[in-house]
Amino acid sequence: MIPFISMTILTVSTTIIVFTLKIFDVVMVMTGGQYDTEVVATQFYRQFFMYRNFGYGSTLAIVLLIAVLPVIIINLRQFRKQGGF
């Protein structure tokens, strides 16, 4: 059974990884980044917009992009294989 649904499992897993890395909106709305709910995106927001530390904020944004990019590429390749595009 698992080999038949392996492509679906891979697609769902990569989508969950991307959403987990980019969970800025939920953390910011629910806690504002307080109470030890800090993620990379909220740290980027604070450094860049609140503390005006543009170099560190930009670096965090690039790190987030580099972390998400390979997962997105894998997801796109899977969609092409399945005929999604």
PDB file of N, CA and C in Angstrom:
ATOM      1  N   MET A   1       0.815  -1.193   0.000  1.00  0.00           N
ATOM      2  CA  MET A   1       0.000   0.000   0.000  1.00  0.00           C
ATOM      3  C   MET A   1       0.867   1.268   0.000  1.00  0.00           C
ATOM      4  N   ILE A   2       1.920   1.280   0.801  1.00  0.00           N
ATOM      5  CA  ILE A   2       2.788   2.463   0.911  1.00  0.00           C
ATOM      6  C   ILE A   2       3.416   2.840  -0.431  1.00  0.00           C
ATOM      7  N   PRO A   3       3.937   1.894  -1.238  1.00  0.00           N
ATOM      8  CA  PRO A   3       4.514   2.313  -2.522  1.00  0.00           C
ATOM      9  C   PRO A   3       3.519   3.019  -3.441  1.00  0.00           C
ATOM     10  N   PHE A   4       2.259   2.686  -3.340  1.00  0.00           N
ATOM     11  CA  PHE A   4       1.260   3.319  -4.195  1.00  0.00           C
ATOM     12  C   PHE A   4       0.978   4.757  -3.797  1.00  0.00           C
ATOM     13  N   ILE A   5       1.099   5.068  -2.539  1.00  0.00           N
ATOM     14  CA  ILE A   5       0.815   6.422  -2.079  1.00  0.00           C
ATOM     15  C   ILE A   5       2.086   7.186  -1.696  1.00  0.00           C
ATOM     16  N   SER A   6       3.240   6.692  -2.096  1.00  0.00           N
ATOM     17  CA  SER A   6       4.495   7.346  -1.711  1.00  0.00           C
ATOM     18  C   SER A   6       4.614   8.756  -2.284  1.00  0.00           C
ATOM     19  N   MET A   7       4.149   8.983  -3.508  1.00  0.00           N
ATOM     20  CA  MET A   7       4.206  10.328  -4.086  1.00  0.00           C
ATOM     21  C   MET A   7       3.316  11.293  -3.313  1.00  0.00           C
ATOM     22  N   THR A   8       2.182  10.833  -2.892  1.00  0.00           N
ATOM     23  CA  THR A   8       1.288  11.679  -2.101  1.00  0.00           C
ATOM     24  C   THR A   8       1.900  11.995  -0.747  1.00  0.00           C
ATOM     25  N   ILE A   9       2.511  11.004  -0.129  1.00  0.00           N
ATOM     26  CA  ILE A   9       3.170  11.220   1.160  1.00  0.00           C
ATOM     27  C   ILE A   9       4.295  12.240   1.027  1.00  0.00           C
ATOM     28  N   LEU A  10       5.089  12.145  -0.038  1.00  0.00           N
ATOM     29  CA  LEU A  10       6.187  13.089  -0.263  1.00  0.00           C
ATOM     30  C   LEU A  10       5.655  14.500  -0.494  1.00  0.00           C
ATOM     31  N   THR A  11       4.607  14.628  -1.290  1.00  0.00           N
ATOM     32  CA  THR A  11       4.033  15.944  -1.571  1.00  0.00           C
ATOM     33  C   THR A  11       3.472  16.589  -0.311  1.00  0.00           C
ATOM     34  N   VAL A  12       2.737  15.835   0.461  1.00  0.00           N
ATOM     35  CA  VAL A  12       2.159  16.367   1.700  1.00  0.00           C
ATOM     36  C   VAL A  12       3.266  16.715   2.697  1.00  0.00           C
ATOM     37  N   SER A  13       4.286  15.889   2.785  1.00  0.00           N
ATOM     38  CA  SER A  13       5.395  16.156   3.714  1.00  0.00           C
ATOM     39  C   SER A  13       6.124  17.439   3.351  1.00  0.00           C
ATOM     40  N   THR A  14       6.426  17.634   2.071  1.00  0.00           N
ATOM     41  CA  THR A  14       7.129  18.855   1.683  1.00  0.00           C
ATOM     42  C   THR A  14       6.261  20.090   1.887  1.00  0.00           C
ATOM     43  N   THR A  15       4.980  19.972   1.633  1.00  0.00           N
ATOM     44  CA  THR A  15       4.088  21.105   1.865  1.00  0.00           C
ATOM     45  C   THR A  15       4.027  21.460   3.344  1.00  0.00           C
ATOM     46  N   ILE A  16       3.977  20.475   4.199  1.00  0.00           N
ATOM     47  CA  ILE A  16       3.952  20.724   5.646  1.00  0.00           C
ATOM     48  C   ILE A  16       5.261  21.366   6.102  1.00  0.00           C
ATOM     49  N   ILE A  17       6.388  20.932   5.551  1.00  0.00           N
ATOM     50  CA  ILE A  17       7.679  21.522   5.915  1.00  0.00           C
ATOM     51  C   ILE A  17       7.720  22.994   5.529  1.00  0.00           C
ATOM     52  N   VAL A  18       7.249  23.327   4.325  1.00  0.00           N
ATOM     53  CA  VAL A  18       7.238  24.727   3.884  1.00  0.00           C
ATOM     54  C   VAL A  18       6.350  25.563   4.789  1.00  0.00           C
ATOM     55  N   PHE A  19       5.157  25.085   5.091  1.00  0.00           N
ATOM     56  CA  PHE A  19       4.260  25.843   5.952  1.00  0.00           C
ATOM     57  C   PHE A  19       4.806  25.977   7.368  1.00  0.00           C
ATOM     58  N   THR A  20       5.513  24.980   7.848  1.00  0.00           N
ATOM     59  CA  THR A  20       6.090  25.047   9.180  1.00  0.00           C
ATOM     60  C   THR A  20       7.197  26.095   9.248  1.00  0.00           C
ATOM     61  N   LEU A  21       8.012  26.165   8.201  1.00  0.00           N
ATOM     62  CA  LEU A  21       9.090  27.146   8.188  1.00  0.00           C
ATOM     63  C   LEU A  21       8.567  28.574   8.003  1.00  0.00           C
ATOM     64  N   LYS A  22       7.404  28.735   7.436  1.00  0.00           N
ATOM     65  CA  LYS A  22       6.870  30.058   7.158  1.00  0.00           C
ATOM     66  C   LYS A  22       5.620  30.351   7.993  1.00  0.00           C
ATOM     67  N   ILE A  23       5.619  30.018   9.246  1.00  0.00           N
ATOM     68  CA  ILE A  23       4.442  30.115  10.108  1.00  0.00           C
ATOM     69  C   ILE A  23       4.359  31.475  10.812  1.00  0.00           C
ATOM     70  N   PHE A  24       4.813  32.486  10.178  1.00  0.00           N
ATOM     71  CA  PHE A  24       4.892  33.816  10.770  1.00  0.00           C
ATOM     72  C   PHE A  24       3.521  34.332  11.228  1.00  0.00           C
ATOM     73  N   ASP A  25       2.526  34.235  10.375  1.00  0.00           N
ATOM     74  CA  ASP A  25       1.237  34.857  10.662  1.00  0.00           C
ATOM     75  C   ASP A  25       0.555  34.277  11.899  1.00  0.00           C
ATOM     76  N   VAL A  26       0.621  32.976  12.070  1.00  0.00           N
ATOM     77  CA  VAL A  26      -0.036  32.352  13.221  1.00  0.00           C
ATOM     78  C   VAL A  26       0.647  32.782  14.520  1.00  0.00           C
ATOM     79  N   VAL A  27       1.963  32.757  14.529  1.00  0.00           N
ATOM     80  CA  VAL A  27       2.701  33.129  15.740  1.00  0.00           C
ATOM     81  C   VAL A  27       2.488  34.603  16.070  1.00  0.00           C
ATOM     82  N   MET A  28       2.507  35.455  15.062  1.00  0.00           N
ATOM     83  CA  MET A  28       2.372  36.888  15.314  1.00  0.00           C
ATOM     84  C   MET A  28       0.964  37.252  15.790  1.00  0.00           C
ATOM     85  N   VAL A  29      -0.043  36.627  15.217  1.00  0.00           N
ATOM     86  CA  VAL A  29      -1.419  36.937  15.621  1.00  0.00           C
ATOM     87  C   VAL A  29      -1.730  36.378  17.005  1.00  0.00           C
ATOM     88  N   MET A  30      -1.302  35.152  17.271  1.00  0.00           N
ATOM     89  CA  MET A  30      -1.672  34.509  18.528  1.00  0.00           C
ATOM     90  C   MET A  30      -0.880  35.040  19.728  1.00  0.00           C
ATOM     91  N   THR A  31       0.447  35.188  19.584  1.00  0.00           N
ATOM     92  CA  THR A  31       1.252  35.553  20.752  1.00  0.00           C
ATOM     93  C   THR A  31       2.138  36.771  20.538  1.00  0.00           C
ATOM     94  N   GLY A  32       2.252  37.235  19.311  1.00  0.00           N
ATOM     95  CA  GLY A  32       3.141  38.354  19.039  1.00  0.00           C
ATOM     96  C   GLY A  32       4.608  37.988  19.178  1.00  0.00           C
ATOM     97  N   GLY A  33       4.917  36.704  19.151  1.00  0.00           N
ATOM     98  CA  GLY A  33       6.294  36.253  19.291  1.00  0.00           C
ATOM     99  C   GLY A  33       6.763  36.174  20.730  1.00  0.00           C
ATOM    100  N   GLN A  34       5.860  36.359  21.674  1.00  0.00           N
ATOM    101  CA  GLN A  34       6.218  36.283  23.091  1.00  0.00           C
ATOM    102  C   GLN A  34       6.028  34.861  23.597  1.00  0.00           C
ATOM    103  N   TYR A  35       6.370  34.627  24.827  1.00  0.00           N
ATOM    104  CA  TYR A  35       6.166  33.345  25.501  1.00  0.00           C
ATOM    105  C   TYR A  35       6.923  32.207  24.816  1.00  0.00           C
ATOM    106  N   ASP A  36       8.141  32.466  24.382  1.00  0.00           N
ATOM    107  CA  ASP A  36       9.004  31.466  23.738  1.00  0.00           C
ATOM    108  C   ASP A  36       8.386  30.865  22.487  1.00  0.00           C
ATOM    109  N   THR A  37       7.653  31.644  21.710  1.00  0.00           N
ATOM    110  CA  THR A  37       7.100  31.172  20.443  1.00  0.00           C
ATOM    111  C   THR A  37       7.833  31.788  19.258  1.00  0.00           C
ATOM    112  N   GLU A  38       9.078  32.110  19.462  1.00  0.00           N
ATOM    113  CA  GLU A  38       9.886  32.764  18.431  1.00  0.00           C
ATOM    114  C   GLU A  38      10.223  31.786  17.309  1.00  0.00           C
ATOM    115  N   VAL A  39       9.984  32.190  16.071  1.00  0.00           N
ATOM    116  CA  VAL A  39      10.406  31.438  14.889  1.00  0.00           C
ATOM    117  C   VAL A  39      11.266  32.365  14.039  1.00  0.00           C
ATOM    118  N   VAL A  40      11.874  31.826  12.997  1.00  0.00           N
ATOM    119  CA  VAL A  40      12.798  32.624  12.178  1.00  0.00           C
ATOM    120  C   VAL A  40      12.088  33.829  11.575  1.00  0.00           C
ATOM    121  N   ALA A  41      10.870  33.645  11.113  1.00  0.00           N
ATOM    122  CA  ALA A  41      10.153  34.747  10.466  1.00  0.00           C
ATOM    123  C   ALA A  41       9.817  35.864  11.449  1.00  0.00           C
ATOM    124  N   THR A  42       9.438  35.538  12.674  1.00  0.00           N
ATOM    125  CA  THR A  42       9.155  36.602  13.647  1.00  0.00           C
ATOM    126  C   THR A  42      10.434  37.301  14.079  1.00  0.00           C
ATOM    127  N   GLN A  43      11.521  36.564  14.169  1.00  0.00           N
ATOM    128  CA  GLN A  43      12.806  37.190  14.493  1.00  0.00           C
ATOM    129  C   GLN A  43      13.231  38.140  13.372  1.00  0.00           C
ATOM    130  N   PHE A  44      13.013  37.726  12.125  1.00  0.00           N
ATOM    131  CA  PHE A  44      13.300  38.600  10.980  1.00  0.00           C
ATOM    132  C   PHE A  44      12.486  39.883  11.075  1.00  0.00           C
ATOM    133  N   TYR A  45      11.205  39.747  11.353  1.00  0.00           N
ATOM    134  CA  TYR A  45      10.319  40.905  11.446  1.00  0.00           C
ATOM    135  C   TYR A  45      10.781  41.868  12.535  1.00  0.00           C
ATOM    136  N   ARG A  46      11.104  41.327  13.683  1.00  0.00           N
ATOM    137  CA  ARG A  46      11.554  42.182  14.791  1.00  0.00           C
ATOM    138  C   ARG A  46      12.856  42.892  14.478  1.00  0.00           C
ATOM    139  N   GLN A  47      13.821  42.149  13.971  1.00  0.00           N
ATOM    140  CA  GLN A  47      15.122  42.754  13.675  1.00  0.00           C
ATOM    141  C   GLN A  47      14.999  43.826  12.600  1.00  0.00           C
ATOM    142  N   PHE A  48      14.237  43.544  11.578  1.00  0.00           N
ATOM    143  CA  PHE A  48      14.169  44.460  10.446  1.00  0.00           C
ATOM    144  C   PHE A  48      13.286  45.671  10.719  1.00  0.00           C
ATOM    145  N   PHE A  49      12.087  45.460  11.236  1.00  0.00           N
ATOM    146  CA  PHE A  49      11.125  46.544  11.358  1.00  0.00           C
ATOM    147  C   PHE A  49      11.080  47.191  12.738  1.00  0.00           C
ATOM    148  N   MET A  50      11.304  46.438  13.792  1.00  0.00           N
ATOM    149  CA  MET A  50      11.204  47.022  15.126  1.00  0.00           C
ATOM    150  C   MET A  50      12.540  47.579  15.606  1.00  0.00           C
ATOM    151  N   TYR A  51      13.613  46.807  15.434  1.00  0.00           N
ATOM    152  CA  TYR A  51      14.924  47.223  15.935  1.00  0.00           C
ATOM    153  C   TYR A  51      15.753  47.961  14.889  1.00  0.00           C
ATOM    154  N   ARG A  52      15.254  48.032  13.653  1.00  0.00           N
ATOM    155  CA  ARG A  52      15.953  48.698  12.538  1.00  0.00           C
ATOM    156  C   ARG A  52      17.360  48.148  12.301  1.00  0.00           C
ATOM    157  N   ASN A  53      17.521  46.849  12.558  1.00  0.00           N
ATOM    158  CA  ASN A  53      18.786  46.166  12.307  1.00  0.00           C
ATOM    159  C   ASN A  53      18.658  45.487  10.940  1.00  0.00           C
ATOM    160  N   PHE A  54      18.863  46.262   9.869  1.00  0.00           N
ATOM    161  CA  PHE A  54      18.559  45.810   8.516  1.00  0.00           C
ATOM    162  C   PHE A  54      19.472  44.678   8.044  1.00  0.00           C
ATOM    163  N   GLY A  55      20.725  44.686   8.417  1.00  0.00           N
ATOM    164  CA  GLY A  55      21.654  43.640   7.992  1.00  0.00           C
ATOM    165  C   GLY A  55      21.288  42.285   8.571  1.00  0.00           C
ATOM    166  N   TYR A  56      21.020  42.246   9.867  1.00  0.00           N
ATOM    167  CA  TYR A  56      20.663  40.983  10.524  1.00  0.00           C
ATOM    168  C   TYR A  56      19.294  40.493  10.055  1.00  0.00           C
ATOM    169  N   GLY A  57      18.355  41.412   9.881  1.00  0.00           N
ATOM    170  CA  GLY A  57      17.031  41.043   9.394  1.00  0.00           C
ATOM    171  C   GLY A  57      17.076  40.475   7.990  1.00  0.00           C
ATOM    172  N   SER A  58      17.867  41.090   7.127  1.00  0.00           N
ATOM    173  CA  SER A  58      18.012  40.581   5.764  1.00  0.00           C
ATOM    174  C   SER A  58      18.680  39.214   5.743  1.00  0.00           C
ATOM    175  N   THR A  59      19.649  39.023   6.616  1.00  0.00           N
ATOM    176  CA  THR A  59      20.316  37.728   6.706  1.00  0.00           C
ATOM    177  C   THR A  59      19.342  36.640   7.133  1.00  0.00           C
ATOM    178  N   LEU A  60      18.489  36.940   8.085  1.00  0.00           N
ATOM    179  CA  LEU A  60      17.487  35.959   8.512  1.00  0.00           C
ATOM    180  C   LEU A  60      16.508  35.639   7.387  1.00  0.00           C
ATOM    181  N   ALA A  61      16.136  36.636   6.596  1.00  0.00           N
ATOM    182  CA  ALA A  61      15.232  36.391   5.471  1.00  0.00           C
ATOM    183  C   ALA A  61      15.887  35.482   4.430  1.00  0.00           C
ATOM    184  N   ILE A  62      17.174  35.692   4.159  1.00  0.00           N
ATOM    185  CA  ILE A  62      17.891  34.847   3.201  1.00  0.00           C
ATOM    186  C   ILE A  62      18.033  33.430   3.737  1.00  0.00           C
ATOM    187  N   VAL A  63      18.293  33.277   5.035  1.00  0.00           N
ATOM    188  CA  VAL A  63      18.386  31.944   5.638  1.00  0.00           C
ATOM    189  C   VAL A  63      17.054  31.219   5.508  1.00  0.00           C
ATOM    190  N   LEU A  64      15.953  31.919   5.737  1.00  0.00           N
ATOM    191  CA  LEU A  64      14.636  31.316   5.590  1.00  0.00           C
ATOM    192  C   LEU A  64      14.382  30.907   4.141  1.00  0.00           C
ATOM    193  N   LEU A  65      14.779  31.741   3.206  1.00  0.00           N
ATOM    194  CA  LEU A  65      14.630  31.411   1.788  1.00  0.00           C
ATOM    195  C   LEU A  65      15.451  30.184   1.417  1.00  0.00           C
ATOM    196  N   ILE A  66      16.691  30.119   1.880  1.00  0.00           N
ATOM    197  CA  ILE A  66      17.563  28.974   1.572  1.00  0.00           C
ATOM    198  C   ILE A  66      17.015  27.698   2.207  1.00  0.00           C
ATOM    199  N   ALA A  67      16.396  27.806   3.369  1.00  0.00           N
ATOM    200  CA  ALA A  67      15.830  26.626   4.020  1.00  0.00           C
ATOM    201  C   ALA A  67      14.586  26.121   3.295  1.00  0.00           C
ATOM    202  N   VAL A  68      13.798  27.013   2.733  1.00  0.00           N
ATOM    203  CA  VAL A  68      12.542  26.627   2.096  1.00  0.00           C
ATOM    204  C   VAL A  68      12.731  26.246   0.627  1.00  0.00           C
ATOM    205  N   LEU A  69      13.684  26.836  -0.046  1.00  0.00           N
ATOM    206  CA  LEU A  69      13.858  26.645  -1.490  1.00  0.00           C
ATOM    207  C   LEU A  69      14.051  25.189  -1.917  1.00  0.00           C
ATOM    208  N   PRO A  70      14.916  24.397  -1.286  1.00  0.00           N
ATOM    209  CA  PRO A  70      15.049  22.997  -1.732  1.00  0.00           C
ATOM    210  C   PRO A  70      13.760  22.194  -1.582  1.00  0.00           C
ATOM    211  N   VAL A  71      13.012  22.471  -0.551  1.00  0.00           N
ATOM    212  CA  VAL A  71      11.761  21.745  -0.346  1.00  0.00           C
ATOM    213  C   VAL A  71      10.750  22.113  -1.423  1.00  0.00           C
ATOM    214  N   ILE A  72      10.706  23.379  -1.808  1.00  0.00           N
ATOM    215  CA  ILE A  72       9.808  23.808  -2.871  1.00  0.00           C
ATOM    216  C   ILE A  72      10.207  23.178  -4.202  1.00  0.00           C
ATOM    217  N   ILE A  73      11.500  23.114  -4.472  1.00  0.00           N
ATOM    218  CA  ILE A  73      11.971  22.504  -5.724  1.00  0.00           C
ATOM    219  C   ILE A  73      11.582  21.033  -5.778  1.00  0.00           C
ATOM    220  N   ILE A  74      11.753  20.314  -4.683  1.00  0.00           N
ATOM    221  CA  ILE A  74      11.349  18.899  -4.637  1.00  0.00           C
ATOM    222  C   ILE A  74       9.849  18.773  -4.885  1.00  0.00           C
ATOM    223  N   ASN A  75       9.080  19.648  -4.289  1.00  0.00           N
ATOM    224  CA  ASN A  75       7.630  19.619  -4.465  1.00  0.00           C
ATOM    225  C   ASN A  75       7.243  19.884  -5.917  1.00  0.00           C
ATOM    226  N   LEU A  76       7.869  20.852  -6.555  1.00  0.00           N
ATOM    227  CA  LEU A  76       7.571  21.156  -7.950  1.00  0.00           C
ATOM    228  C   LEU A  76       7.937  20.002  -8.870  1.00  0.00           C
ATOM    229  N   ARG A  77       9.065  19.350  -8.612  1.00  0.00           N
ATOM    230  CA  ARG A  77       9.450  18.187  -9.414  1.00  0.00           C
ATOM    231  C   ARG A  77       8.430  17.068  -9.282  1.00  0.00           C
ATOM    232  N   GLN A  78       7.924  16.859  -8.088  1.00  0.00           N
ATOM    233  CA  GLN A  78       6.911  15.826  -7.876  1.00  0.00           C
ATOM    234  C   GLN A  78       5.622  16.157  -8.612  1.00  0.00           C
ATOM    235  N   PHE A  79       5.234  17.431  -8.612  1.00  0.00           N
ATOM    236  CA  PHE A  79       4.033  17.836  -9.329  1.00  0.00           C
ATOM    237  C   PHE A  79       4.198  17.606 -10.829  1.00  0.00           C
ATOM    238  N   ARG A  80       5.368  17.917 -11.362  1.00  0.00           N
ATOM    239  CA  ARG A  80       5.609  17.692 -12.792  1.00  0.00           C
ATOM    240  C   ARG A  80       5.547  16.215 -13.135  1.00  0.00           C
ATOM    241  N   LYS A  81       6.120  15.374 -12.261  1.00  0.00           N
ATOM    242  CA  LYS A  81       6.084  13.930 -12.479  1.00  0.00           C
ATOM    243  C   LYS A  81       4.663  13.395 -12.503  1.00  0.00           C
ATOM    244  N   GLN A  82       3.842  13.918 -11.649  1.00  0.00           N
ATOM    245  CA  GLN A  82       2.451  13.459 -11.556  1.00  0.00           C
ATOM    246  C   GLN A  82       1.551  14.093 -12.609  1.00  0.00           C
ATOM    247  N   GLY A  83       2.093  15.052 -13.345  1.00  0.00           N
ATOM    248  CA  GLY A  83       1.275  15.727 -14.365  1.00  0.00           C
ATOM    249  C   GLY A  83       0.448  16.847 -13.809  1.00  0.00           C
ATOM    250  N   GLY A  84       0.868  17.419 -12.705  1.00  0.00           N
ATOM    251  CA  GLY A  84       0.132  18.511 -12.087  1.00  0.00           C
ATOM    252  C   GLY A  84       0.274  19.831 -12.813  1.00  0.00           C
ATOM    253  N   PHE A  85       1.340  19.992 -13.588  1.00  0.00           N
ATOM    254  CA  PHE A  85       1.551  21.241 -14.333  1.00  0.00           C
ATOM    255  C   PHE A  85       1.402  21.012 -15.796  1.00  0.00           C
TER     256      PHE A  85
END
